[in-house]
Amino acid sequence: MRRAISLVLIIIGILLLYWGYDLQQQLDMQLIRQVTGEAPEQVWQYYLTGIASVVVGGLGVWKTF
């Protein structure tokens, strides 16, 4: 059961990283980035949550072996 939850966390993390990248590539986000010089906060939230989810899921899979 623990391994299944860890694998789901990894999949969710990968999806969040993809959605963050996709959001960053949208035209309105590119305009905000060019005006302010930095990525919008929503993109960073996707990236950080995705990385945390992948790391926690990876640790969970690693501990079950």
Protein backbone atom coordinates (compact mmCIF):
# COMPACT_ATOMS: atom_id res chain seq x y z
CA MET A 1 0.00 0.00 0.00
CA ARG A 2 2.81 2.42 0.87
CA ARG A 3 4.49 1.75 -2.47
CA ALA A 4 1.26 2.53 -4.36
CA ILE A 5 0.85 5.85 -2.56
CA SER A 6 4.48 6.71 -3.30
CA LEU A 7 4.03 5.93 -6.99
CA VAL A 8 0.89 8.09 -7.11
CA LEU A 9 2.86 10.95 -5.51
CA ILE A 10 5.56 10.61 -8.16
CA ILE A 11 2.97 10.68 -10.96
CA ILE A 12 1.23 13.71 -9.45
CA GLY A 13 4.58 15.47 -9.06
CA ILE A 14 5.48 14.85 -12.70
CA LEU A 15 2.09 16.18 -13.79
CA LEU A 16 2.51 19.30 -11.65
CA LEU A 17 5.95 19.93 -13.15
CA TYR A 18 4.49 19.55 -16.65
CA TRP A 19 1.58 21.89 -15.87
CA GLY A 20 3.99 24.45 -14.44
CA TYR A 21 6.08 24.30 -17.59
CA ASP A 22 2.96 24.53 -19.78
CA LEU A 23 1.70 27.51 -17.80
CA GLN A 24 5.05 29.25 -18.14
CA GLN A 25 4.93 28.88 -21.92
CA GLN A 26 1.54 30.57 -22.30
CA LEU A 27 1.54 33.96 -23.98
CA ASP A 28 0.17 35.97 -21.04
CA MET A 29 2.75 34.46 -18.68
CA GLN A 30 5.51 35.29 -21.15
CA LEU A 31 4.32 38.90 -21.23
CA ILE A 32 4.31 39.08 -17.42
CA ARG A 33 7.77 37.57 -17.36
CA GLN A 34 9.10 40.11 -19.86
CA VAL A 35 7.59 43.06 -17.99
CA THR A 36 8.57 42.03 -14.46
CA GLY A 37 11.64 39.93 -15.26
CA GLU A 38 10.52 36.95 -13.19
CA ALA A 39 8.10 34.05 -13.40
CA PRO A 40 4.65 34.50 -11.84
CA GLU A 41 4.05 33.03 -8.41
CA GLN A 42 1.61 30.41 -9.72
CA VAL A 43 4.34 28.84 -11.87
CA TRP A 44 6.67 28.60 -8.89
CA GLN A 45 3.92 26.97 -6.84
CA TYR A 46 3.52 24.25 -9.46
CA TYR A 47 7.27 23.68 -9.65
CA LEU A 48 7.88 23.54 -5.90
CA THR A 49 4.85 21.35 -5.19
CA GLY A 50 5.82 19.03 -8.05
CA ILE A 51 9.41 18.70 -6.85
CA ALA A 52 8.30 18.06 -3.27
CA SER A 53 5.83 15.42 -4.41
CA VAL A 54 8.43 13.62 -6.54
CA VAL A 55 10.98 13.67 -3.71
CA VAL A 56 8.52 12.38 -1.08
CA GLY A 57 7.25 9.73 -3.46
CA GLY A 58 10.78 8.70 -4.37
CA LEU A 59 11.75 8.39 -0.71
CA GLY A 60 8.66 6.30 -0.09
CA VAL A 61 9.49 3.92 -2.94
CA TRP A 62 13.12 3.73 -1.85
CA LYS A 63 12.22 2.90 1.77
CA THR A 64 9.91 0.04 0.75
CA PHE A 65 12.76 -1.87 -0.92
